[in-house]
Amino acid sequence: MAGTPETVAVLGIGAMGHGLAGSALRAGIRTIVWNRNKAATRDLAEAGAEVAETAAEAAQRAEIVVTMVTDTDAVLSIAREHGVLAALRPDAIWAQMSTVGVAGADKIADLVRTERRDVTFLDAPVSGSREPAERGELTIFASGPQEARPRITPFFNAVGQRTIWVGPAGSGSRLKVVNNTWLAFASEAVVSSMAVARRLGLPTETVVNAFSGNALVSAWQEAKLQRIAKEEYSPQFSLELALKDVRLALQVTNDDQFAALAGLAEEWQRALLRGYGDEDLTVVARTLEPLEATR
C-alpha cells in the first residue's frame, strides 16, 4: 500500500542491531529479527518484533534486509552459510550496515552483482555507538542505486538523525573509514592529554574544568573526558571494535607514511592484550598511567 513502510529484517542483534530494530519498531515498521543467540531478541519480541528461527527465513519474509554484524567474515557467513543470499526476494533491498572496510564492502557488492543481480545492494555503515543507536540518532553513510532511496528512506529516517548519500555502493564504507580515523584521533587526544596531566600531577578536576566548554573540545570528547575522570569504561564503543576500525584504515593507507595511525594501533593493541578489549575505547587511559600508579 502506498505510503506504508516495507517490512524490514534485521540480522544481527548486538548493541547496534538491537538499536536499529528497536528504532524501526517505534516508527511503526514491521520488523523481523534474527540473531545467532536468540536470547538477544527477547525484549524486541516483547516490543512487537517477529523473531525468525533462521536468517534465511527472516530474509524470505522481508522486502528490506539489514545486516549489522562484526566484520566481513560474519557478513559473508550470513550470506553463504546461513543462506540469506539465496533467500532474498527478487527486487529486495539488502542494506549492509556493518563496518567492513573498503575491501570488505567491495567483496560483498561483487558477490551480489555476480549471484543476485535481481537484488539492490546498499552499502550503508553508520556513525554512532550503542546509545545513539537505541535513540535512533545515528548518522548513515549510504551508498548505492538512487532508485532505492524512496523505499529505504522510512527505515533510515527511523534509525538515523541524518543520512548522507555519497555515491555508488562502496562509497559509504570509504567515508566510514575516514570517519573512524577522525574518531580514533579524537579519542586519543582525550586519553593522551589526561595521561599527560596525571603524570604532571595535575588534579583531574582541574583538567576537566579547563576543557569544559573549550572550543578545542567537541561535545563527544567532553563526555569521554568526564567518563575517564570517573574511571567509567563500560562500553559505548568497545576497544576491540575501535581497533578493528583503525586497522581497516591502515589497510587502505598501505605505506609507512601514516606513522601516527600505526602507533595508535600498536598502543591500542597493548591495551587489548591486557584484557581491556570489551571495555570502552577510552580504557586505553589505564595503560598510560605512570608505572607507580599501576603497581
Protein backbone atom coordinates (compact mmCIF):
# COMPACT_ATOMS: atom_id res chain seq x y z
CA MET A 1 0.00 0.00 0.00
CA ALA A 2 1.37 3.40 -0.96
CA GLY A 3 2.98 5.21 1.95
CA THR A 4 3.31 2.07 4.08
CA PRO A 5 6.93 1.23 5.01
CA GLU A 6 8.12 -2.12 3.74
CA THR A 7 8.91 -4.97 6.12
CA VAL A 8 12.47 -4.91 7.45
CA ALA A 9 14.52 -7.86 8.68
CA VAL A 10 17.45 -7.02 10.96
CA LEU A 11 20.09 -9.75 11.04
CA GLY A 12 22.48 -9.43 13.96
CA ILE A 13 21.09 -8.21 17.28
CA GLY A 14 24.19 -6.96 19.01
CA ALA A 15 24.36 -3.49 20.54
CA MET A 16 23.91 -1.76 17.19
CA GLY A 17 21.47 -4.18 15.59
CA HIS A 18 19.30 -4.04 18.70
CA GLY A 19 19.14 -0.27 18.36
CA LEU A 20 18.22 -0.49 14.67
CA ALA A 21 15.42 -2.95 15.34
CA GLY A 22 14.07 -1.00 18.32
CA SER A 23 14.02 2.26 16.38
CA ALA A 24 12.24 0.62 13.45
CA LEU A 25 9.58 -0.77 15.79
CA ARG A 26 8.98 2.64 17.37
CA ALA A 27 8.44 4.06 13.89
CA GLY A 28 5.72 1.51 13.20
CA ILE A 29 7.75 -0.54 10.73
CA ARG A 30 7.02 -4.25 10.67
CA THR A 31 10.30 -5.69 11.90
CA ILE A 32 11.65 -9.24 11.79
CA VAL A 33 14.78 -10.04 13.80
CA TRP A 34 17.29 -12.85 13.83
CA ASN A 35 20.37 -13.48 15.94
CA ARG A 36 22.60 -16.49 16.47
CA ASN A 37 21.84 -16.22 20.18
CA LYS A 38 18.07 -15.98 20.29
CA ALA A 39 18.10 -14.59 23.85
CA ALA A 40 19.20 -11.21 22.47
CA THR A 41 15.83 -10.86 20.71
CA ARG A 42 13.54 -11.40 23.71
CA ASP A 43 12.85 -7.79 24.62
CA LEU A 44 12.39 -6.90 20.94
CA ALA A 45 9.79 -9.67 20.66
CA GLU A 46 8.01 -8.16 23.66
CA ALA A 47 8.05 -4.80 21.83
CA GLY A 48 6.41 -6.32 18.77
CA ALA A 49 9.24 -7.73 16.65
CA GLU A 50 8.78 -11.05 14.90
CA VAL A 51 11.60 -13.46 15.70
CA ALA A 52 12.76 -15.71 12.86
CA GLU A 53 14.24 -19.12 13.57
CA THR A 54 16.84 -18.74 10.81
CA ALA A 55 18.48 -15.88 8.95
CA ALA A 56 17.19 -17.28 5.66
CA GLU A 57 13.62 -17.31 6.98
CA ALA A 58 13.96 -13.67 8.04
CA ALA A 59 15.22 -12.72 4.58
CA GLN A 60 12.39 -14.56 2.83
CA ARG A 61 9.78 -12.62 4.82
CA ALA A 62 11.10 -9.09 4.26
CA GLU A 63 11.42 -6.62 1.41
CA ILE A 64 14.39 -4.92 3.09
CA VAL A 65 17.11 -6.97 4.77
CA VAL A 66 19.66 -5.30 7.05
CA THR A 67 22.91 -6.87 8.22
CA MET A 68 24.61 -5.44 11.29
CA VAL A 69 27.38 -7.76 12.47
CA THR A 70 31.04 -7.52 13.47
CA ASP A 71 33.04 -7.85 10.25
CA THR A 72 33.25 -9.04 6.65
CA ASP A 73 33.57 -12.72 7.59
CA ALA A 74 30.38 -12.53 9.65
CA VAL A 75 28.50 -10.86 6.77
CA LEU A 76 29.69 -13.49 4.30
CA SER A 77 28.79 -16.27 6.73
CA ILE A 78 25.23 -14.94 6.94
CA ALA A 79 25.08 -14.60 3.15
CA ARG A 80 26.50 -18.03 2.38
CA GLU A 81 26.35 -20.46 5.29
CA HIS A 82 23.04 -19.16 6.62
CA GLY A 83 21.52 -18.98 3.14
CA VAL A 84 20.49 -15.34 3.12
CA LEU A 85 21.83 -14.50 -0.34
CA ALA A 86 19.76 -17.29 -1.90
CA ALA A 87 16.73 -16.49 0.24
CA LEU A 88 16.48 -12.79 -0.66
CA ARG A 89 13.35 -11.98 -2.64
CA PRO A 90 13.69 -10.71 -6.20
CA ASP A 91 13.74 -6.89 -6.02
CA ALA A 92 14.67 -6.98 -2.32
CA ILE A 93 17.00 -4.38 -0.87
CA TRP A 94 19.99 -5.62 1.08
CA ALA A 95 21.24 -2.77 3.28
CA GLN A 96 24.64 -3.83 4.56
CA MET A 97 25.23 -1.58 7.59
CA SER A 98 28.14 -3.33 9.31
CA THR A 99 31.58 -1.74 9.33
CA VAL A 100 33.59 -3.89 6.92
CA GLY A 101 36.11 -1.50 5.37
CA VAL A 102 36.80 -0.85 1.72
CA ALA A 103 37.89 -4.34 0.65
CA GLY A 104 35.02 -5.94 2.56
CA ALA A 105 32.39 -3.67 1.06
CA ASP A 106 33.70 -4.24 -2.46
CA LYS A 107 33.80 -8.01 -1.92
CA ILE A 108 30.19 -8.12 -0.72
CA ALA A 109 28.99 -5.84 -3.52
CA ASP A 110 30.75 -8.04 -6.11
CA LEU A 111 29.07 -11.11 -4.61
CA VAL A 112 25.63 -9.57 -5.08
CA ARG A 113 26.42 -8.39 -8.62
CA THR A 114 27.64 -11.86 -9.55
CA GLU A 115 24.97 -14.01 -7.96
CA ARG A 116 21.89 -11.84 -7.31
CA ARG A 117 21.56 -9.13 -9.91
CA ASP A 118 17.85 -9.00 -9.11
CA VAL A 119 18.66 -7.62 -5.62
CA THR A 120 19.53 -3.99 -4.83
CA PHE A 121 22.63 -3.73 -2.67
CA LEU A 122 23.22 -0.72 -0.42
CA ASP A 123 26.48 -0.17 1.44
CA ALA A 124 25.35 1.92 4.41
CA PRO A 125 27.57 1.83 7.52
CA VAL A 126 26.71 4.12 10.41
CA SER A 127 28.43 6.56 12.71
CA GLY A 128 27.39 6.34 16.34
CA SER A 129 27.58 3.96 19.26
CA ARG A 130 25.13 1.99 21.40
CA GLU A 131 23.22 4.92 22.92
CA PRO A 132 22.62 6.86 19.65
CA ALA A 133 21.57 3.57 18.04
CA GLU A 134 18.98 2.97 20.75
CA ARG A 135 17.66 6.54 20.36
CA GLY A 136 17.53 6.43 16.56
CA GLU A 137 20.19 9.13 16.29
CA LEU A 138 22.79 7.51 14.05
CA THR A 139 24.42 9.08 11.01
CA ILE A 140 24.14 6.82 7.97
CA PHE A 141 26.72 6.84 5.18
CA ALA A 142 24.51 5.45 2.43
CA SER A 143 25.71 4.40 -0.99
CA GLY A 144 24.13 2.53 -3.84
CA PRO A 145 21.49 2.98 -6.56
CA GLN A 146 19.50 6.20 -6.35
CA GLU A 147 16.25 4.41 -7.17
CA ALA A 148 16.41 2.62 -3.80
CA ARG A 149 16.09 5.87 -1.85
CA PRO A 150 12.28 6.12 -1.66
CA ARG A 151 11.99 2.55 -0.39
CA ILE A 152 14.77 2.68 2.22
CA THR A 153 14.11 6.24 3.46
CA PRO A 154 11.41 5.33 6.03
CA PHE A 155 13.80 2.89 7.70
CA PHE A 156 16.81 5.22 7.52
CA ASN A 157 14.69 8.04 8.97
CA ALA A 158 13.66 5.76 11.82
CA VAL A 159 17.18 4.74 12.82
CA GLY A 160 19.17 7.86 11.98
CA GLN A 161 19.09 11.59 12.53
CA ARG A 162 20.98 12.14 9.28
CA THR A 163 21.53 10.16 6.08
CA ILE A 164 24.37 11.17 3.77
CA TRP A 165 24.18 9.67 0.26
CA VAL A 166 27.73 9.50 -1.05
CA GLY A 167 27.70 7.70 -4.40
CA PRO A 168 27.83 4.14 -5.74
CA ALA A 169 27.91 1.13 -3.43
CA GLY A 170 31.19 1.07 -1.54
CA SER A 171 31.43 4.83 -1.15
CA GLY A 172 29.69 4.63 2.22
CA SER A 173 32.35 2.32 3.61
CA ARG A 174 35.07 4.60 2.27
CA LEU A 175 33.57 7.56 4.12
CA LYS A 176 33.19 5.38 7.23
CA VAL A 177 36.95 4.68 7.19
CA VAL A 178 37.57 8.44 7.13
CA ASN A 179 35.02 8.98 9.91
CA ASN A 180 36.61 6.34 12.13
CA THR A 181 40.10 7.71 11.55
CA TRP A 182 38.83 11.06 12.83
CA LEU A 183 37.13 9.37 15.79
CA ALA A 184 40.26 7.42 16.70
CA PHE A 185 42.41 10.52 16.94
CA ALA A 186 39.64 12.45 18.73
CA SER A 187 39.58 9.74 21.37
CA GLU A 188 43.35 9.58 21.58
CA ALA A 189 43.52 13.34 22.14
CA VAL A 190 41.40 12.95 25.27
CA VAL A 191 43.16 9.83 26.54
CA SER A 192 46.70 11.08 25.98
CA SER A 193 46.02 14.56 27.35
CA MET A 194 44.55 13.12 30.54
CA ALA A 195 47.51 10.74 30.88
CA VAL A 196 50.00 13.60 30.50
CA ALA A 197 48.08 15.63 33.10
CA ARG A 198 48.27 12.78 35.58
CA ARG A 199 51.98 12.34 35.03
CA LEU A 200 52.37 16.05 35.75
CA GLY A 201 50.45 15.67 38.99
CA LEU A 202 47.54 17.87 37.95
CA PRO A 203 44.22 17.16 39.70
CA THR A 204 41.65 15.54 37.43
CA GLU A 205 39.10 18.20 38.35
CA THR A 206 41.45 20.93 37.13
CA VAL A 207 41.79 19.27 33.73
CA VAL A 208 38.05 18.68 33.39
CA ASN A 209 37.30 22.30 34.26
CA ALA A 210 39.92 23.54 31.80
CA PHE A 211 38.39 21.67 28.91
CA SER A 212 34.71 22.11 29.78
CA GLY A 213 33.22 24.40 27.15
CA ASN A 214 36.62 24.77 25.48
CA ALA A 215 36.38 25.45 21.74
CA LEU A 216 39.04 22.79 21.14
CA VAL A 217 36.85 20.07 22.65
CA SER A 218 33.81 18.52 20.97
CA ALA A 219 30.75 17.51 22.98
CA TRP A 220 31.69 13.87 22.31
CA GLN A 221 35.21 14.43 23.66
CA GLU A 222 33.94 16.27 26.71
CA ALA A 223 31.63 13.36 27.52
CA LYS A 224 34.56 10.94 27.15
CA LEU A 225 36.69 13.15 29.40
CA GLN A 226 34.02 13.04 32.08
CA ARG A 227 33.88 9.24 31.87
CA ILE A 228 37.67 8.91 32.15
CA ALA A 229 37.64 11.23 35.18
CA LYS A 230 35.14 8.85 36.83
CA GLU A 231 37.06 5.79 35.57
CA GLU A 232 33.85 4.73 33.84
CA TYR A 233 34.80 2.42 30.99
CA SER A 234 31.62 0.48 30.31
CA PRO A 235 31.47 0.06 26.53
CA GLN A 236 29.81 2.72 24.46
CA PHE A 237 32.15 1.67 21.67
CA SER A 238 34.44 -1.20 22.62
CA LEU A 239 38.20 -1.02 22.28
CA GLU A 240 38.22 -4.26 20.26
CA LEU A 241 35.87 -2.84 17.62
CA ALA A 242 37.64 0.53 17.59
CA LEU A 243 40.97 -1.20 16.97
CA LYS A 244 39.39 -3.19 14.14
CA ASP A 245 38.34 0.09 12.53
CA VAL A 246 41.83 1.59 12.87
CA ARG A 247 43.26 -1.46 11.15
CA LEU A 248 40.74 -1.04 8.33
CA ALA A 249 42.11 2.49 7.86
CA LEU A 250 45.67 1.18 7.86
CA GLN A 251 44.75 -1.31 5.13
CA VAL A 252 43.91 1.48 2.71
CA THR A 253 46.94 3.66 3.53
CA ASN A 254 49.22 0.77 2.57
CA ASP A 255 52.50 2.59 3.19
CA ASP A 256 54.71 3.85 6.02
CA GLN A 257 53.65 7.49 5.88
CA PHE A 258 50.84 7.17 8.45
CA ALA A 259 53.14 6.60 11.42
CA ALA A 260 50.75 8.20 13.93
CA LEU A 261 47.91 5.90 12.90
CA ALA A 262 50.19 2.85 13.09
CA GLY A 263 51.45 3.93 16.51
CA LEU A 264 47.91 4.37 17.75
CA ALA A 265 47.09 0.82 16.62
CA GLU A 266 50.13 -0.52 18.49
CA GLU A 267 49.15 1.35 21.65
CA TRP A 268 45.58 0.06 21.48
CA GLN A 269 46.81 -3.47 20.80
CA ARG A 270 48.79 -3.37 24.06
CA ALA A 271 45.61 -2.41 25.90
CA LEU A 272 43.77 -5.25 24.16
CA LEU A 273 46.41 -7.74 25.30
CA ARG A 274 45.87 -6.56 28.88
CA GLY A 275 42.28 -7.75 28.64
CA TYR A 276 40.54 -4.43 28.01
CA GLY A 277 39.02 -5.30 24.62
CA ASP A 278 35.40 -5.42 25.82
CA GLU A 279 35.58 -2.06 27.58
CA ASP A 280 35.16 1.40 26.06
CA LEU A 281 37.98 2.54 23.78
CA THR A 282 38.92 5.22 26.33
CA VAL A 283 40.10 2.42 28.65
CA VAL A 284 43.46 2.92 26.93
CA ALA A 285 43.92 5.63 29.58
CA ARG A 286 44.63 2.87 32.10
CA THR A 287 47.62 1.68 30.11
CA LEU A 288 49.14 5.17 30.07
CA GLU A 289 49.13 5.67 33.83
CA PRO A 290 52.52 6.28 35.49
CA LEU A 291 54.12 2.97 36.41
CA GLU A 292 53.92 3.69 40.13
CA ALA A 293 50.14 4.21 39.78
CA THR A 294 49.64 0.76 38.30
CA ARG A 295 51.67 -1.20 40.84
